Amino acid sequence: MEVQPSHEPPVRLRGRVRVRVGPRRDTATRDEERILTERRRNWDGPFDQRPVHGATLDDLDLKLFQQEFLPSAVAPEVLRENGRSIPEQLAALHLASPDAVPNVAGLLVLGRARV
């Protein structure tokens, strides 16, 4: 079994938080739990702004984005001056992460139907 790092640390199992630091595997100390809790704050935010790992821009209807969504969300003069790429525009409108991974909101608004 392979265990991936959690985006919402610390993770408790049977009341204990386990950590692996280098070759050491043990129950987390109070300071290690505090550090894990601080890391969690980086991920605390609206659910719809979380990137959906495994999703790509191919999962979004970019034609709908350019023809319908973008003109209704951004003023025409701003669009004329805009030199951003599509991934940058999606990130600026909070529909994808800065590294072009669609988030929950992006998939809900622009997601392609899969049959």
N, C-alpha and C. Protein backbone atom coordinates (compact mmCIF):
# COMPACT_ATOMS: atom_id res chain seq x y z
N MET A 1 0.85 -1.16 0.00
CA MET A 1 0.00 0.00 0.00
C MET A 1 0.90 1.24 0.00
N GLU A 2 0.53 2.22 -0.82
CA GLU A 2 1.26 3.48 -0.88
C GLU A 2 0.39 4.57 -0.27
N VAL A 3 0.96 5.33 0.65
CA VAL A 3 0.22 6.39 1.32
C VAL A 3 0.77 7.73 0.83
N GLN A 4 -0.12 8.57 0.32
CA GLN A 4 0.27 9.90 -0.16
C GLN A 4 0.18 10.91 0.98
N PRO A 5 1.00 11.97 0.91
CA PRO A 5 0.90 13.02 1.93
C PRO A 5 -0.49 13.65 1.89
N SER A 6 -0.99 14.01 3.05
CA SER A 6 -2.32 14.60 3.15
C SER A 6 -2.24 16.11 2.98
N HIS A 7 -3.27 16.69 2.34
CA HIS A 7 -3.35 18.14 2.22
C HIS A 7 -3.99 18.74 3.46
N GLU A 8 -4.48 17.89 4.35
CA GLU A 8 -5.14 18.37 5.56
C GLU A 8 -4.53 17.73 6.80
N PRO A 9 -3.23 17.97 7.02
CA PRO A 9 -2.61 17.40 8.21
C PRO A 9 -3.05 18.14 9.46
N PRO A 10 -2.89 17.62 10.64
CA PRO A 10 -2.45 16.27 10.94
C PRO A 10 -3.60 15.27 10.81
N VAL A 11 -3.26 14.08 10.37
CA VAL A 11 -4.24 13.01 10.23
C VAL A 11 -4.09 12.09 11.43
N ARG A 12 -5.19 11.84 12.10
CA ARG A 12 -5.16 10.99 13.30
C ARG A 12 -5.72 9.61 12.98
N LEU A 13 -5.10 8.61 13.54
CA LEU A 13 -5.57 7.23 13.44
C LEU A 13 -5.51 6.65 14.84
N ARG A 14 -6.66 6.25 15.32
CA ARG A 14 -6.77 5.71 16.69
C ARG A 14 -6.19 6.69 17.72
N GLY A 15 -6.44 7.99 17.49
CA GLY A 15 -6.03 9.00 18.45
C GLY A 15 -4.57 9.42 18.38
N ARG A 16 -3.82 8.88 17.43
CA ARG A 16 -2.40 9.23 17.34
C ARG A 16 -2.08 9.79 15.96
N VAL A 17 -1.12 10.68 15.93
CA VAL A 17 -0.61 11.22 14.68
C VAL A 17 0.75 10.59 14.45
N ARG A 18 0.89 9.93 13.33
CA ARG A 18 2.15 9.27 13.00
C ARG A 18 2.90 10.14 12.00
N VAL A 19 4.23 10.20 12.13
CA VAL A 19 5.06 10.96 11.20
C VAL A 19 6.24 10.11 10.76
N ARG A 20 6.76 10.51 9.61
CA ARG A 20 8.00 9.90 9.13
C ARG A 20 8.93 11.04 8.78
N VAL A 21 9.98 11.16 9.52
CA VAL A 21 10.99 12.18 9.29
C VAL A 21 12.29 11.46 8.98
N GLY A 22 12.66 11.49 7.69
CA GLY A 22 13.85 10.73 7.28
C GLY A 22 13.60 9.26 7.54
N PRO A 23 14.53 8.57 8.19
CA PRO A 23 14.32 7.14 8.46
C PRO A 23 13.48 6.88 9.70
N ARG A 24 13.20 7.92 10.48
CA ARG A 24 12.45 7.77 11.73
C ARG A 24 10.95 7.73 11.48
N ARG A 25 10.29 6.74 12.03
CA ARG A 25 8.83 6.63 12.00
C ARG A 25 8.37 6.52 13.44
N ASP A 26 7.50 7.46 13.83
CA ASP A 26 7.14 7.49 15.24
C ASP A 26 5.84 8.28 15.40
N THR A 27 5.37 8.34 16.63
CA THR A 27 4.24 9.19 16.97
C THR A 27 4.74 10.62 17.00
N ALA A 28 3.95 11.54 16.46
CA ALA A 28 4.35 12.95 16.38
C ALA A 28 4.46 13.57 17.76
N THR A 29 5.47 14.40 17.92
CA THR A 29 5.60 15.18 19.15
C THR A 29 4.64 16.36 19.08
N ARG A 30 4.50 17.07 20.18
CA ARG A 30 3.62 18.24 20.21
C ARG A 30 4.06 19.27 19.18
N ASP A 31 5.37 19.51 19.05
CA ASP A 31 5.89 20.48 18.07
C ASP A 31 5.63 20.01 16.64
N GLU A 32 5.79 18.73 16.38
CA GLU A 32 5.53 18.21 15.03
C GLU A 32 4.05 18.36 14.67
N GLU A 33 3.17 18.13 15.62
CA GLU A 33 1.73 18.33 15.38
C GLU A 33 1.42 19.80 15.10
N ARG A 34 2.07 20.70 15.83
CA ARG A 34 1.88 22.13 15.61
C ARG A 34 2.30 22.52 14.19
N ILE A 35 3.44 22.01 13.73
CA ILE A 35 3.92 22.30 12.38
C ILE A 35 2.94 21.76 11.34
N LEU A 36 2.43 20.56 11.56
CA LEU A 36 1.46 19.99 10.62
C LEU A 36 0.17 20.82 10.58
N THR A 37 -0.25 21.31 11.73
CA THR A 37 -1.45 22.15 11.78
C THR A 37 -1.22 23.46 11.04
N GLU A 38 -0.04 24.04 11.16
CA GLU A 38 0.28 25.26 10.42
C GLU A 38 0.28 25.01 8.93
N ARG A 39 0.77 23.86 8.50
CA ARG A 39 0.75 23.51 7.09
C ARG A 39 -0.66 23.42 6.55
N ARG A 40 -1.56 22.95 7.38
CA ARG A 40 -2.95 22.80 6.97
C ARG A 40 -3.57 24.15 6.64
N ARG A 41 -3.16 25.18 7.34
CA ARG A 41 -3.72 26.51 7.11
C ARG A 41 -3.47 26.97 5.69
N ASN A 42 -2.39 26.51 5.05
CA ASN A 42 -2.12 26.87 3.66
C ASN A 42 -3.22 26.33 2.75
N TRP A 43 -3.83 25.22 3.11
CA TRP A 43 -4.86 24.60 2.28
C TRP A 43 -6.26 25.01 2.67
N ASP A 44 -6.40 25.66 3.84
CA ASP A 44 -7.72 26.09 4.25
C ASP A 44 -8.19 27.22 3.35
N GLY A 45 -9.24 27.00 2.71
CA GLY A 45 -9.81 27.99 1.80
C GLY A 45 -11.10 27.42 1.27
N PRO A 46 -11.77 28.16 0.42
CA PRO A 46 -13.02 27.65 -0.12
C PRO A 46 -12.81 26.35 -0.88
N PHE A 47 -13.74 25.43 -0.71
CA PHE A 47 -13.63 24.14 -1.37
C PHE A 47 -13.55 24.28 -2.88
N ASP A 48 -14.32 25.20 -3.44
CA ASP A 48 -14.36 25.32 -4.90
C ASP A 48 -13.07 25.89 -5.49
N GLN A 49 -12.17 26.39 -4.66
CA GLN A 49 -10.89 26.89 -5.16
C GLN A 49 -9.77 25.86 -5.10
N ARG A 50 -10.07 24.67 -4.64
CA ARG A 50 -9.04 23.62 -4.56
C ARG A 50 -8.84 22.98 -5.93
N PRO A 51 -7.59 22.83 -6.36
CA PRO A 51 -7.33 22.19 -7.65
C PRO A 51 -7.78 20.73 -7.63
N VAL A 52 -8.26 20.26 -8.77
CA VAL A 52 -8.67 18.87 -8.91
C VAL A 52 -7.53 18.14 -9.59
N HIS A 53 -6.73 17.44 -8.81
CA HIS A 53 -5.57 16.76 -9.35
C HIS A 53 -6.03 15.65 -10.29
N GLY A 54 -5.41 15.59 -11.45
CA GLY A 54 -5.81 14.64 -12.47
C GLY A 54 -6.63 15.31 -13.57
N ALA A 55 -7.19 16.48 -13.28
CA ALA A 55 -7.95 17.22 -14.29
C ALA A 55 -6.97 18.08 -15.10
N THR A 56 -7.30 18.31 -16.36
CA THR A 56 -6.49 19.15 -17.23
C THR A 56 -7.38 20.18 -17.90
N LEU A 57 -6.78 21.09 -18.62
CA LEU A 57 -7.55 22.10 -19.34
C LEU A 57 -8.42 21.47 -20.42
N ASP A 58 -8.09 20.26 -20.86
CA ASP A 58 -8.92 19.54 -21.84
C ASP A 58 -10.28 19.20 -21.25
N ASP A 59 -10.40 19.19 -19.93
CA ASP A 59 -11.67 18.89 -19.27
C ASP A 59 -12.60 20.11 -19.23
N LEU A 60 -12.10 21.27 -19.65
CA LEU A 60 -12.89 22.50 -19.66
C LEU A 60 -13.32 22.85 -21.08
N ASP A 61 -14.48 23.43 -21.21
CA ASP A 61 -14.97 23.90 -22.51
C ASP A 61 -14.40 25.31 -22.71
N LEU A 62 -13.22 25.38 -23.34
CA LEU A 62 -12.53 26.65 -23.50
C LEU A 62 -13.23 27.55 -24.51
N LYS A 63 -13.96 26.97 -25.46
CA LYS A 63 -14.72 27.77 -26.42
C LYS A 63 -15.83 28.53 -25.67
N LEU A 64 -16.54 27.84 -24.77
CA LEU A 64 -17.56 28.47 -23.94
C LEU A 64 -16.93 29.57 -23.08
N PHE A 65 -15.75 29.30 -22.54
CA PHE A 65 -15.05 30.27 -21.72
C PHE A 65 -14.77 31.55 -22.50
N GLN A 66 -14.22 31.41 -23.72
CA GLN A 66 -13.84 32.58 -24.52
C GLN A 66 -15.04 33.34 -25.08
N GLN A 67 -16.08 32.61 -25.48
CA GLN A 67 -17.20 33.26 -26.16
C GLN A 67 -18.30 33.74 -25.22
N GLU A 68 -18.51 33.05 -24.11
CA GLU A 68 -19.62 33.40 -23.22
C GLU A 68 -19.17 33.93 -21.86
N PHE A 69 -18.35 33.14 -21.18
CA PHE A 69 -18.00 33.49 -19.80
C PHE A 69 -17.13 34.74 -19.72
N LEU A 70 -16.05 34.75 -20.47
CA LEU A 70 -15.09 35.86 -20.39
C LEU A 70 -15.73 37.22 -20.72
N PRO A 71 -16.50 37.34 -21.82
CA PRO A 71 -17.12 38.64 -22.10
C PRO A 71 -18.13 39.08 -21.04
N SER A 72 -18.76 38.14 -20.35
CA SER A 72 -19.72 38.53 -19.32
C SER A 72 -19.04 38.82 -17.98
N ALA A 73 -17.82 38.36 -17.80
CA ALA A 73 -17.13 38.54 -16.52
C ALA A 73 -16.14 39.70 -16.52
N VAL A 74 -15.70 40.10 -17.71
CA VAL A 74 -14.65 41.11 -17.81
C VAL A 74 -15.11 42.21 -18.77
N ALA A 75 -14.83 43.45 -18.43
CA ALA A 75 -15.22 44.58 -19.26
C ALA A 75 -14.54 44.51 -20.63
N PRO A 76 -15.22 44.93 -21.71
CA PRO A 76 -14.66 44.86 -23.06
C PRO A 76 -13.32 45.58 -23.22
N GLU A 77 -13.16 46.75 -22.60
CA GLU A 77 -11.89 47.48 -22.73
C GLU A 77 -10.75 46.74 -22.04
N VAL A 78 -11.06 46.05 -20.97
CA VAL A 78 -10.03 45.25 -20.28
C VAL A 78 -9.64 44.07 -21.16
N LEU A 79 -10.60 43.44 -21.81
CA LEU A 79 -10.30 42.32 -22.71
C LEU A 79 -9.42 42.77 -23.88
N ARG A 80 -9.67 43.97 -24.40
CA ARG A 80 -8.86 44.47 -25.52
C ARG A 80 -7.41 44.67 -25.11
N GLU A 81 -7.19 45.11 -23.89
CA GLU A 81 -5.83 45.36 -23.40
C GLU A 81 -5.16 44.11 -22.84
N ASN A 82 -5.93 43.06 -22.66
CA ASN A 82 -5.45 41.84 -22.01
C ASN A 82 -4.46 41.11 -22.89
N GLY A 83 -3.28 40.83 -22.34
CA GLY A 83 -2.28 40.06 -23.07
C GLY A 83 -2.04 38.70 -22.44
N ARG A 84 -2.98 38.25 -21.62
CA ARG A 84 -2.81 36.98 -20.90
C ARG A 84 -3.20 35.80 -21.78
N SER A 85 -2.55 34.67 -21.50
CA SER A 85 -2.92 33.42 -22.16
C SER A 85 -4.19 32.88 -21.51
N ILE A 86 -4.79 31.88 -22.15
CA ILE A 86 -6.00 31.26 -21.60
C ILE A 86 -5.76 30.72 -20.18
N PRO A 87 -4.68 29.95 -19.93
CA PRO A 87 -4.45 29.48 -18.55
C PRO A 87 -4.30 30.62 -17.55
N GLU A 88 -3.68 31.72 -17.96
CA GLU A 88 -3.53 32.86 -17.05
C GLU A 88 -4.89 33.52 -16.80
N GLN A 89 -5.74 33.59 -17.83
CA GLN A 89 -7.07 34.16 -17.65
C GLN A 89 -7.91 33.29 -16.72
N LEU A 90 -7.82 31.96 -16.89
CA LEU A 90 -8.56 31.06 -16.00
C LEU A 90 -8.11 31.23 -14.56
N ALA A 91 -6.80 31.35 -14.34
CA ALA A 91 -6.27 31.53 -12.98
C ALA A 91 -6.72 32.87 -12.42
N ALA A 92 -6.72 33.93 -13.24
CA ALA A 92 -7.12 35.25 -12.76
C ALA A 92 -8.59 35.28 -12.35
N LEU A 93 -9.41 34.46 -13.00
CA LEU A 93 -10.83 34.41 -12.67
C LEU A 93 -11.15 33.29 -11.66
N HIS A 94 -10.11 32.72 -11.08
CA HIS A 94 -10.24 31.69 -10.04
C HIS A 94 -10.97 30.44 -10.54
N LEU A 95 -10.69 30.05 -11.79
CA LEU A 95 -11.26 28.83 -12.35
C LEU A 95 -10.20 27.75 -12.53
N ALA A 96 -8.95 28.10 -12.24
CA ALA A 96 -7.84 27.15 -12.31
C ALA A 96 -6.74 27.66 -11.39
N SER A 97 -5.82 26.77 -11.06
CA SER A 97 -4.68 27.18 -10.24
C SER A 97 -3.66 27.88 -11.14
N PRO A 98 -2.69 28.58 -10.57
CA PRO A 98 -1.67 29.24 -11.39
C PRO A 98 -0.89 28.29 -12.29
N ASP A 99 -0.82 27.02 -11.92
CA ASP A 99 -0.12 26.05 -12.77
C ASP A 99 -1.07 25.33 -13.71
N ALA A 100 -2.21 25.95 -14.02
CA ALA A 100 -3.17 25.51 -15.04
C ALA A 100 -3.85 24.18 -14.72
N VAL A 101 -4.13 23.94 -13.45
CA VAL A 101 -4.92 22.77 -13.05
C VAL A 101 -6.32 23.29 -12.71
N PRO A 102 -7.36 22.81 -13.40
CA PRO A 102 -8.71 23.29 -13.09
C PRO A 102 -9.07 23.01 -11.64
N ASN A 103 -9.79 23.95 -11.05
CA ASN A 103 -10.28 23.73 -9.69
C ASN A 103 -11.74 23.31 -9.75
N VAL A 104 -12.33 23.10 -8.60
CA VAL A 104 -13.71 22.63 -8.52
C VAL A 104 -14.65 23.62 -9.22
N ALA A 105 -14.46 24.92 -8.96
CA ALA A 105 -15.32 25.94 -9.59
C ALA A 105 -15.19 25.89 -11.10
N GLY A 106 -13.98 25.77 -11.60
CA GLY A 106 -13.76 25.71 -13.04
C GLY A 106 -14.47 24.52 -13.67
N LEU A 107 -14.41 23.38 -13.01
CA LEU A 107 -15.07 22.19 -13.55
C LEU A 107 -16.59 22.31 -13.46
N LEU A 108 -17.10 22.95 -12.40
CA LEU A 108 -18.55 23.12 -12.29
C LEU A 108 -19.08 24.08 -13.34
N VAL A 109 -18.35 25.14 -13.61
CA VAL A 109 -18.81 26.17 -14.54
C VAL A 109 -18.53 25.80 -15.99
N LEU A 110 -17.35 25.26 -16.26
CA LEU A 110 -16.92 25.04 -17.65
C LEU A 110 -16.64 23.59 -18.00
N GLY A 111 -16.94 22.67 -17.09
CA GLY A 111 -16.61 21.27 -17.32
C GLY A 111 -17.37 20.68 -18.51
N ARG A 112 -16.67 19.85 -19.25
CA ARG A 112 -17.30 19.13 -20.37
C ARG A 112 -18.02 17.92 -19.82
N ALA A 113 -19.17 17.63 -20.40
CA ALA A 113 -19.93 16.45 -19.99
C ALA A 113 -19.25 15.22 -20.55
N ARG A 114 -19.05 14.22 -19.74
CA ARG A 114 -18.45 12.93 -20.15
C ARG A 114 -19.55 11.89 -20.20
N VAL A 115 -19.58 11.16 -21.27
CA VAL A 115 -20.60 10.12 -21.41
C VAL A 115 -19.95 8.76 -21.36
